[in-house]
Amino acid sequence: MYRSIEDTVPWYRQFWPWVLIAIPALTVVAGFITLYLAIVSNDGVVEDDYYKAGLAINQSFARDRAAAARHIAGFVRVTPTGDGLELFLSGDHGDATPVLKLLHATRANLDQQPELELIGGGQYRARLDGLAPGKWYVKLQGEDGSWEVEGVMVFPHDKSVRLTPQVH
């Protein structure tokens, strides 16, 4: 009777059993990697306290109405180098320096709150840490939080944004 070389070689020295074992083994390893990434990474999109956020919507509407009543509007322009911005503010915004917030649409760790420096006549400037590409919500509030104007910018396509009250 004829015997091939495969009949004399043990199974663990052959190619196909290892291929068949590797497929489910790699699937299990990939599952653990996926589980690890899901646990340690923060997606930043899910609101931790959605009830509290829902209650804050009414306060936001009041700030928008106050800005509209005071005819507050603004214009923000990112400098050509991308390391600063200029703010032009009109209306009855008071003497206090407003608070500017740059909020990334999906990655909260990129949010910035640059310190505004008054140049004069409703003009301010600030330094930036650089903006990542993507959608940015630009919010400007009074120092006391009594009014708010906002706009949306897609960086680097948009280098400027108009800030207006979002009256609903």
N, C-alpha and C. Protein backbone atom coordinates (compact mmCIF):
# COMPACT_ATOMS: atom_id res chain seq x y z
N MET A 1 0.84 -1.16 0.00
CA MET A 1 0.00 0.00 0.00
C MET A 1 0.89 1.23 0.00
N TYR A 2 0.42 2.26 -0.71
CA TYR A 2 1.18 3.50 -0.85
C TYR A 2 0.81 4.46 0.28
N ARG A 3 1.81 5.06 0.90
CA ARG A 3 1.59 6.05 1.95
C ARG A 3 2.22 7.35 1.51
N SER A 4 1.43 8.44 1.64
CA SER A 4 1.97 9.74 1.28
C SER A 4 2.75 10.32 2.45
N ILE A 5 3.47 11.38 2.17
CA ILE A 5 4.26 12.01 3.22
C ILE A 5 3.36 12.67 4.26
N GLU A 6 2.14 13.09 3.86
CA GLU A 6 1.21 13.69 4.81
C GLU A 6 0.74 12.69 5.86
N ASP A 7 0.73 11.45 5.49
CA ASP A 7 0.27 10.44 6.45
C ASP A 7 1.31 10.21 7.55
N THR A 8 2.54 10.51 7.28
CA THR A 8 3.58 10.27 8.27
C THR A 8 3.88 11.50 9.11
N VAL A 9 3.42 12.68 8.66
CA VAL A 9 3.66 13.92 9.39
C VAL A 9 2.53 14.12 10.39
N PRO A 10 2.85 14.46 11.65
CA PRO A 10 1.77 14.69 12.63
C PRO A 10 0.92 15.90 12.23
N TRP A 11 -0.31 15.97 12.76
CA TRP A 11 -1.27 17.02 12.38
C TRP A 11 -0.75 18.41 12.69
N TYR A 12 -0.05 18.58 13.77
CA TYR A 12 0.41 19.90 14.19
C TYR A 12 1.54 20.43 13.32
N ARG A 13 2.06 19.64 12.42
CA ARG A 13 3.07 20.10 11.50
C ARG A 13 2.50 20.37 10.11
N GLN A 14 1.21 20.26 9.99
CA GLN A 14 0.58 20.51 8.69
C GLN A 14 -0.03 21.91 8.68
N PHE A 15 -0.22 22.45 7.49
CA PHE A 15 -0.65 23.84 7.30
C PHE A 15 -2.14 24.04 7.60
N TRP A 16 -3.02 23.25 7.05
CA TRP A 16 -4.47 23.51 7.11
C TRP A 16 -5.08 23.44 8.51
N PRO A 17 -4.67 22.56 9.38
CA PRO A 17 -5.24 22.62 10.73
C PRO A 17 -4.97 23.96 11.42
N TRP A 18 -3.77 24.55 11.20
CA TRP A 18 -3.44 25.83 11.82
C TRP A 18 -4.26 26.97 11.22
N VAL A 19 -4.55 26.91 9.95
CA VAL A 19 -5.41 27.92 9.33
C VAL A 19 -6.80 27.85 9.95
N LEU A 20 -7.31 26.63 10.10
CA LEU A 20 -8.65 26.48 10.69
C LEU A 20 -8.69 26.89 12.16
N ILE A 21 -7.60 26.73 12.88
CA ILE A 21 -7.54 27.15 14.28
C ILE A 21 -7.36 28.67 14.37
N ALA A 22 -6.60 29.27 13.45
CA ALA A 22 -6.29 30.70 13.51
C ALA A 22 -7.50 31.58 13.30
N ILE A 23 -8.44 31.16 12.47
CA ILE A 23 -9.61 32.01 12.19
C ILE A 23 -10.41 32.31 13.45
N PRO A 24 -10.88 31.33 14.21
CA PRO A 24 -11.61 31.69 15.44
C PRO A 24 -10.71 32.33 16.50
N ALA A 25 -9.44 31.97 16.56
CA ALA A 25 -8.54 32.57 17.54
C ALA A 25 -8.36 34.06 17.27
N LEU A 26 -8.16 34.43 16.02
CA LEU A 26 -8.04 35.84 15.67
C LEU A 26 -9.34 36.60 15.93
N THR A 27 -10.46 35.95 15.74
CA THR A 27 -11.75 36.58 16.02
C THR A 27 -11.90 36.88 17.51
N VAL A 28 -11.47 35.98 18.35
CA VAL A 28 -11.53 36.21 19.79
C VAL A 28 -10.59 37.36 20.19
N VAL A 29 -9.38 37.39 19.64
CA VAL A 29 -8.44 38.47 19.94
C VAL A 29 -9.01 39.81 19.48
N ALA A 30 -9.57 39.86 18.28
CA ALA A 30 -10.17 41.11 17.78
C ALA A 30 -11.34 41.54 18.67
N GLY A 31 -12.10 40.60 19.19
CA GLY A 31 -13.20 40.93 20.10
C GLY A 31 -12.70 41.57 21.38
N PHE A 32 -11.61 41.04 21.94
CA PHE A 32 -11.05 41.64 23.16
C PHE A 32 -10.47 43.02 22.89
N ILE A 33 -9.85 43.21 21.75
CA ILE A 33 -9.33 44.53 21.40
C ILE A 33 -10.47 45.52 21.27
N THR A 34 -11.55 45.12 20.63
CA THR A 34 -12.72 45.98 20.49
C THR A 34 -13.32 46.32 21.85
N LEU A 35 -13.42 45.34 22.72
CA LEU A 35 -13.94 45.58 24.07
C LEU A 35 -13.05 46.56 24.83
N TYR A 36 -11.74 46.40 24.75
CA TYR A 36 -10.81 47.31 25.41
C TYR A 36 -10.99 48.74 24.91
N LEU A 37 -11.05 48.92 23.59
CA LEU A 37 -11.22 50.26 23.03
C LEU A 37 -12.56 50.88 23.44
N ALA A 38 -13.60 50.07 23.53
CA ALA A 38 -14.90 50.59 23.94
C ALA A 38 -14.90 51.06 25.39
N ILE A 39 -14.12 50.39 26.22
CA ILE A 39 -14.10 50.74 27.64
C ILE A 39 -13.23 51.97 27.89
N VAL A 40 -12.05 52.06 27.29
CA VAL A 40 -11.13 53.15 27.62
C VAL A 40 -11.35 54.43 26.82
N SER A 41 -12.02 54.37 25.69
CA SER A 41 -12.20 55.58 24.90
C SER A 41 -13.51 56.27 25.26
N ASN A 42 -13.47 57.61 25.23
CA ASN A 42 -14.66 58.41 25.52
C ASN A 42 -15.18 58.96 24.21
N ASP A 43 -16.39 58.60 23.85
CA ASP A 43 -16.93 59.09 22.58
C ASP A 43 -17.35 60.55 22.67
N GLY A 44 -17.64 61.07 23.85
CA GLY A 44 -17.94 62.48 24.02
C GLY A 44 -19.26 62.93 23.43
N VAL A 45 -20.04 62.04 22.88
CA VAL A 45 -21.27 62.43 22.22
C VAL A 45 -22.47 62.26 23.14
N VAL A 46 -22.45 61.25 23.99
CA VAL A 46 -23.59 60.94 24.85
C VAL A 46 -23.59 61.89 26.05
N GLU A 47 -24.72 62.49 26.30
CA GLU A 47 -24.89 63.41 27.43
C GLU A 47 -25.04 62.59 28.71
N ASP A 48 -24.22 62.89 29.71
CA ASP A 48 -24.28 62.14 30.96
C ASP A 48 -25.60 62.39 31.69
N ASP A 49 -26.01 63.63 31.78
CA ASP A 49 -27.23 63.97 32.50
C ASP A 49 -28.20 64.63 31.52
N TYR A 50 -28.91 63.81 30.75
CA TYR A 50 -29.79 64.33 29.71
C TYR A 50 -30.96 65.12 30.29
N TYR A 51 -31.41 64.80 31.49
CA TYR A 51 -32.53 65.54 32.09
C TYR A 51 -32.10 66.97 32.41
N LYS A 52 -30.92 67.10 32.99
CA LYS A 52 -30.39 68.43 33.31
C LYS A 52 -30.16 69.23 32.03
N ALA A 53 -29.66 68.59 31.00
CA ALA A 53 -29.44 69.27 29.72
C ALA A 53 -30.77 69.73 29.12
N GLY A 54 -31.81 68.94 29.29
CA GLY A 54 -33.13 69.34 28.79
C GLY A 54 -33.67 70.56 29.52
N LEU A 55 -33.45 70.64 30.81
CA LEU A 55 -33.89 71.80 31.57
C LEU A 55 -33.11 73.06 31.19
N ALA A 56 -31.85 72.88 30.80
CA ALA A 56 -31.01 74.03 30.42
C ALA A 56 -31.45 74.64 29.10
N ILE A 57 -32.23 73.93 28.32
CA ILE A 57 -32.68 74.47 27.03
C ILE A 57 -33.52 75.73 27.24
N ASN A 58 -34.38 75.73 28.25
CA ASN A 58 -35.21 76.91 28.51
C ASN A 58 -34.36 78.12 28.89
N GLN A 59 -33.28 77.89 29.64
CA GLN A 59 -32.37 78.99 29.98
C GLN A 59 -31.69 79.52 28.72
N SER A 60 -31.34 78.62 27.81
CA SER A 60 -30.71 79.02 26.56
C SER A 60 -31.65 79.88 25.73
N PHE A 61 -32.92 79.52 25.68
CA PHE A 61 -33.91 80.33 24.95
C PHE A 61 -34.00 81.74 25.54
N ALA A 62 -33.96 81.84 26.87
CA ALA A 62 -34.04 83.16 27.51
C ALA A 62 -32.81 84.00 27.16
N ARG A 63 -31.63 83.37 27.12
CA ARG A 63 -30.42 84.11 26.74
C ARG A 63 -30.49 84.59 25.29
N ASP A 64 -31.03 83.76 24.41
CA ASP A 64 -31.18 84.14 23.00
C ASP A 64 -32.14 85.32 22.85
N ARG A 65 -33.26 85.27 23.59
CA ARG A 65 -34.23 86.37 23.52
C ARG A 65 -33.63 87.67 24.07
N ALA A 66 -32.83 87.56 25.12
CA ALA A 66 -32.19 88.75 25.70
C ALA A 66 -31.20 89.35 24.70
N ALA A 67 -30.45 88.51 23.99
CA ALA A 67 -29.50 89.02 22.99
C ALA A 67 -30.24 89.68 21.83
N ALA A 68 -31.36 89.10 21.42
CA ALA A 68 -32.14 89.70 20.34
C ALA A 68 -32.71 91.04 20.77
N ALA A 69 -33.19 91.14 22.02
CA ALA A 69 -33.76 92.40 22.50
C ALA A 69 -32.69 93.49 22.60
N ARG A 70 -31.44 93.10 22.85
CA ARG A 70 -30.36 94.07 22.97
C ARG A 70 -29.61 94.26 21.63
N HIS A 71 -30.11 93.62 20.57
CA HIS A 71 -29.54 93.73 19.22
C HIS A 71 -28.06 93.35 19.17
N ILE A 72 -27.73 92.29 19.91
CA ILE A 72 -26.35 91.84 19.96
C ILE A 72 -26.10 90.88 18.80
N ALA A 73 -25.03 91.12 18.08
CA ALA A 73 -24.58 90.24 17.00
C ALA A 73 -23.07 90.31 16.95
N GLY A 74 -22.47 89.32 16.36
CA GLY A 74 -21.02 89.30 16.29
C GLY A 74 -20.52 88.64 15.03
N PHE A 75 -19.24 88.79 14.82
CA PHE A 75 -18.57 88.20 13.67
C PHE A 75 -17.19 87.73 14.14
N VAL A 76 -16.90 86.46 13.96
CA VAL A 76 -15.62 85.89 14.37
C VAL A 76 -14.85 85.48 13.12
N ARG A 77 -13.57 85.88 13.10
CA ARG A 77 -12.72 85.52 11.96
C ARG A 77 -11.43 84.90 12.51
N VAL A 78 -11.09 83.72 11.97
CA VAL A 78 -9.85 83.06 12.35
C VAL A 78 -8.72 83.69 11.55
N THR A 79 -7.61 83.97 12.20
CA THR A 79 -6.48 84.59 11.50
C THR A 79 -5.94 83.62 10.44
N PRO A 80 -5.29 84.15 9.41
CA PRO A 80 -4.76 83.28 8.35
C PRO A 80 -3.80 82.20 8.84
N THR A 81 -3.06 82.49 9.90
CA THR A 81 -2.14 81.49 10.44
C THR A 81 -2.86 80.43 11.27
N GLY A 82 -4.10 80.70 11.68
CA GLY A 82 -4.89 79.74 12.45
C GLY A 82 -4.57 79.71 13.93
N ASP A 83 -3.70 80.59 14.41
CA ASP A 83 -3.35 80.59 15.83
C ASP A 83 -4.03 81.70 16.62
N GLY A 84 -4.98 82.38 16.01
CA GLY A 84 -5.70 83.44 16.70
C GLY A 84 -7.03 83.72 16.04
N LEU A 85 -7.79 84.59 16.67
CA LEU A 85 -9.07 84.98 16.08
C LEU A 85 -9.37 86.42 16.43
N GLU A 86 -10.26 87.00 15.65
CA GLU A 86 -10.73 88.36 15.88
C GLU A 86 -12.24 88.31 16.02
N LEU A 87 -12.77 89.09 16.96
CA LEU A 87 -14.20 89.16 17.22
C LEU A 87 -14.64 90.60 17.06
N PHE A 88 -15.70 90.78 16.29
CA PHE A 88 -16.33 92.09 16.12
C PHE A 88 -17.73 91.97 16.70
N LEU A 89 -18.05 92.77 17.69
CA LEU A 89 -19.31 92.65 18.42
C LEU A 89 -20.08 93.96 18.34
N SER A 90 -21.37 93.85 18.06
CA SER A 90 -22.23 95.03 18.00
C SER A 90 -23.43 94.84 18.90
N GLY A 91 -24.10 95.95 19.21
CA GLY A 91 -25.28 95.91 20.08
C GLY A 91 -24.94 96.32 21.49
N ASP A 92 -25.93 96.25 22.36
CA ASP A 92 -25.78 96.65 23.76
C ASP A 92 -25.29 95.47 24.58
N HIS A 93 -24.00 95.15 24.48
CA HIS A 93 -23.45 94.00 25.18
C HIS A 93 -22.83 94.33 26.52
N GLY A 94 -22.81 95.59 26.88
CA GLY A 94 -22.28 96.00 28.18
C GLY A 94 -20.78 96.19 28.13
N ASP A 95 -20.22 96.51 29.29
CA ASP A 95 -18.80 96.81 29.37
C ASP A 95 -17.94 95.60 29.70
N ALA A 96 -18.55 94.55 30.24
CA ALA A 96 -17.78 93.37 30.64
C ALA A 96 -17.31 92.59 29.41
N THR A 97 -16.19 91.95 29.53
CA THR A 97 -15.65 91.14 28.44
C THR A 97 -16.49 89.88 28.29
N PRO A 98 -17.00 89.62 27.08
CA PRO A 98 -17.82 88.42 26.89
C PRO A 98 -16.96 87.15 26.94
N VAL A 99 -17.64 86.01 27.00
CA VAL A 99 -16.98 84.71 27.07
C VAL A 99 -17.22 83.99 25.75
N LEU A 100 -16.14 83.58 25.09
CA LEU A 100 -16.22 82.89 23.81
C LEU A 100 -15.90 81.41 24.02
N LYS A 101 -16.74 80.55 23.43
CA LYS A 101 -16.52 79.11 23.52
C LYS A 101 -16.51 78.54 22.11
N LEU A 102 -15.49 77.75 21.81
CA LEU A 102 -15.39 77.04 20.55
C LEU A 102 -15.59 75.56 20.87
N LEU A 103 -16.70 75.01 20.43
CA LEU A 103 -17.07 73.64 20.79
C LEU A 103 -17.03 72.76 19.55
N HIS A 104 -16.19 71.73 19.58
CA HIS A 104 -16.12 70.79 18.45
C HIS A 104 -17.39 69.94 18.46
N ALA A 105 -17.91 69.65 17.29
CA ALA A 105 -19.21 68.96 17.19
C ALA A 105 -19.18 67.55 17.76
N THR A 106 -18.06 66.85 17.66
CA THR A 106 -18.04 65.45 18.09
C THR A 106 -16.95 65.12 19.10
N ARG A 107 -15.97 65.99 19.30
CA ARG A 107 -14.86 65.66 20.18
C ARG A 107 -14.70 66.75 21.24
N ALA A 108 -15.27 66.48 22.41
CA ALA A 108 -15.28 67.47 23.49
C ALA A 108 -13.88 67.80 23.99
N ASN A 109 -12.92 66.90 23.82
CA ASN A 109 -11.57 67.19 24.29
C ASN A 109 -10.88 68.27 23.46
N LEU A 110 -11.46 68.66 22.32
CA LEU A 110 -10.90 69.72 21.49
C LEU A 110 -11.51 71.09 21.78
N ASP A 111 -12.54 71.14 22.63
CA ASP A 111 -13.21 72.40 22.94
C ASP A 111 -12.21 73.41 23.51
N GLN A 112 -12.44 74.69 23.18
CA GLN A 112 -11.57 75.76 23.66
C GLN A 112 -12.41 76.92 24.18
N GLN A 113 -11.84 77.64 25.13
CA GLN A 113 -12.44 78.87 25.64
C GLN A 113 -11.33 79.92 25.69
N PRO A 114 -11.01 80.51 24.53
CA PRO A 114 -9.91 81.47 24.50
C PRO A 114 -10.26 82.75 25.27
N GLU A 115 -9.25 83.35 25.87
CA GLU A 115 -9.45 84.59 26.62
C GLU A 115 -9.43 85.77 25.65
N LEU A 116 -10.51 86.53 25.66
CA LEU A 116 -10.64 87.66 24.75
C LEU A 116 -9.94 88.88 25.32
N GLU A 117 -9.29 89.61 24.43
CA GLU A 117 -8.59 90.85 24.79
C GLU A 117 -9.25 91.99 24.02
N LEU A 118 -9.71 93.00 24.73
CA LEU A 118 -10.38 94.14 24.10
C LEU A 118 -9.37 94.99 23.34
N ILE A 119 -9.68 95.23 22.07
CA ILE A 119 -8.88 96.13 21.24
C ILE A 119 -9.50 97.52 21.28
N GLY A 120 -10.82 97.56 21.26
CA GLY A 120 -11.55 98.82 21.31
C GLY A 120 -12.71 98.82 20.34
N GLY A 121 -13.77 99.55 20.68
CA GLY A 121 -14.92 99.69 19.79
C GLY A 121 -15.63 98.39 19.47
N GLY A 122 -15.75 97.49 20.43
CA GLY A 122 -16.42 96.22 20.19
C GLY A 122 -15.56 95.20 19.47
N GLN A 123 -14.26 95.44 19.39
CA GLN A 123 -13.35 94.52 18.73
C GLN A 123 -12.48 93.82 19.77
N TYR A 124 -12.35 92.52 19.61
CA TYR A 124 -11.56 91.71 20.53
C TYR A 124 -10.64 90.81 19.70
N ARG A 125 -9.62 90.29 20.36
CA ARG A 125 -8.78 89.28 19.73
C ARG A 125 -8.41 88.26 20.80
N ALA A 126 -8.03 87.08 20.32
CA ALA A 126 -7.66 85.99 21.23
C ALA A 126 -6.69 85.05 20.53
N ARG A 127 -5.90 84.37 21.33
CA ARG A 127 -5.00 83.34 20.79
C ARG A 127 -5.70 81.99 20.85
N LEU A 128 -5.40 81.15 19.85
CA LEU A 128 -5.97 79.81 19.78
C LEU A 128 -4.86 78.77 19.88
N ASP A 129 -5.25 77.58 20.31
CA ASP A 129 -4.33 76.45 20.32
C ASP A 129 -4.34 75.74 18.98
N GLY A 130 -5.01 76.33 18.00
CA GLY A 130 -5.17 75.67 16.70
C GLY A 130 -6.51 74.96 16.67
N LEU A 131 -7.13 74.95 15.53
CA LEU A 131 -8.43 74.29 15.38
C LEU A 131 -8.26 73.04 14.52
N ALA A 132 -8.81 71.96 15.00
CA ALA A 132 -8.81 70.72 14.20
C ALA A 132 -9.85 70.86 13.10
N PRO A 133 -9.65 70.20 11.99
CA PRO A 133 -10.67 70.24 10.94
C PRO A 133 -11.98 69.66 11.45
N GLY A 134 -13.08 70.22 10.98
CA GLY A 134 -14.39 69.70 11.36
C GLY A 134 -15.37 70.81 11.68
N LYS A 135 -16.52 70.40 12.17
CA LYS A 135 -17.60 71.32 12.50
C LYS A 135 -17.40 71.87 13.90
N TRP A 136 -17.50 73.19 14.02
CA TRP A 136 -17.32 73.89 15.30
C TRP A 136 -18.55 74.75 15.59
N TYR A 137 -19.04 74.67 16.82
CA TYR A 137 -20.09 75.56 17.30
C TYR A 137 -19.39 76.70 18.04
N VAL A 138 -19.67 77.92 17.63
CA VAL A 138 -19.06 79.10 18.23
C VAL A 138 -20.13 79.79 19.05
N LYS A 139 -19.90 79.91 20.36
CA LYS A 139 -20.88 80.53 21.26
C LYS A 139 -20.21 81.68 21.99
N LEU A 140 -20.94 82.79 22.02
CA LEU A 140 -20.46 83.98 22.73
C LEU A 140 -21.53 84.37 23.73
N GLN A 141 -21.13 84.49 25.00
CA GLN A 141 -22.06 84.82 26.07
C GLN A 141 -21.56 86.04 26.82
N GLY A 142 -22.52 86.73 27.44
CA GLY A 142 -22.15 87.80 28.35
C GLY A 142 -21.44 87.21 29.55
N GLU A 143 -20.60 88.00 30.19
CA GLU A 143 -19.84 87.51 31.33
C GLU A 143 -20.76 86.98 32.43
N ASP A 144 -21.93 87.61 32.58
CA ASP A 144 -22.88 87.17 33.60
C ASP A 144 -23.82 86.09 33.08
N GLY A 145 -23.70 85.69 31.81
CA GLY A 145 -24.54 84.64 31.24
C GLY A 145 -25.94 85.08 30.90
N SER A 146 -26.18 86.38 30.83
CA SER A 146 -27.54 86.87 30.58
C SER A 146 -27.92 86.84 29.11
N TRP A 147 -26.97 86.79 28.20
CA TRP A 147 -27.27 86.75 26.77
C TRP A 147 -26.29 85.81 26.07
N GLU A 148 -26.71 85.37 24.86
CA GLU A 148 -25.87 84.44 24.10
C GLU A 148 -26.16 84.57 22.61
N VAL A 149 -25.10 84.58 21.81
CA VAL A 149 -25.22 84.51 20.35
C VAL A 149 -24.33 83.36 19.90
N GLU A 150 -24.68 82.75 18.78
CA GLU A 150 -23.92 81.59 18.34
C GLU A 150 -23.94 81.44 16.83
N GLY A 151 -23.05 80.60 16.36
CA GLY A 151 -22.95 80.30 14.94
C GLY A 151 -22.22 78.98 14.75
N VAL A 152 -22.18 78.52 13.50
CA VAL A 152 -21.55 77.25 13.16
C VAL A 152 -20.52 77.49 12.07
N MET A 153 -19.37 76.86 12.23
CA MET A 153 -18.28 77.03 11.28
C MET A 153 -17.70 75.64 10.98
N VAL A 154 -17.39 75.39 9.71
CA VAL A 154 -16.70 74.16 9.32
C VAL A 154 -15.27 74.54 8.95
N PHE A 155 -14.34 74.19 9.83
CA PHE A 155 -12.94 74.57 9.64
C PHE A 155 -12.21 73.45 8.92
N PRO A 156 -11.34 73.67 7.99
CA PRO A 156 -10.74 74.92 7.53
C PRO A 156 -11.49 75.57 6.37
N HIS A 157 -12.57 74.97 5.93
CA HIS A 157 -13.32 75.56 4.81
C HIS A 157 -13.80 76.96 5.15
N ASP A 158 -14.40 77.13 6.32
CA ASP A 158 -14.88 78.44 6.77
C ASP A 158 -13.81 79.05 7.68
N LYS A 159 -13.46 80.28 7.42
CA LYS A 159 -12.50 80.99 8.27
C LYS A 159 -13.20 82.03 9.14
N SER A 160 -14.52 82.16 8.94
CA SER A 160 -15.26 83.15 9.73
C SER A 160 -16.69 82.66 9.93
N VAL A 161 -17.35 83.25 10.91
CA VAL A 161 -18.74 82.87 11.22
C VAL A 161 -19.46 84.09 11.80
N ARG A 162 -20.71 84.23 11.44
CA ARG A 162 -21.56 85.29 11.98
C ARG A 162 -22.29 84.75 13.19
N LEU A 163 -22.27 85.49 14.27
CA LEU A 163 -22.93 85.08 15.52
C LEU A 163 -24.20 85.86 15.69
N THR A 164 -25.31 85.15 15.82
CA THR A 164 -26.62 85.78 15.98
C THR A 164 -27.39 85.03 17.06
N PRO A 165 -28.39 85.69 17.66
CA PRO A 165 -29.25 84.98 18.61
C PRO A 165 -30.08 83.93 17.87
N GLN A 166 -30.21 82.78 18.45
CA GLN A 166 -31.01 81.70 17.86
C GLN A 166 -32.40 81.73 18.49
N VAL A 167 -33.19 82.75 18.14
CA VAL A 167 -34.50 82.94 18.74
C VAL A 167 -35.45 81.89 18.17
N HIS A 168 -36.14 81.19 19.09
CA HIS A 168 -37.05 80.11 18.69
C HIS A 168 -38.48 80.49 18.96
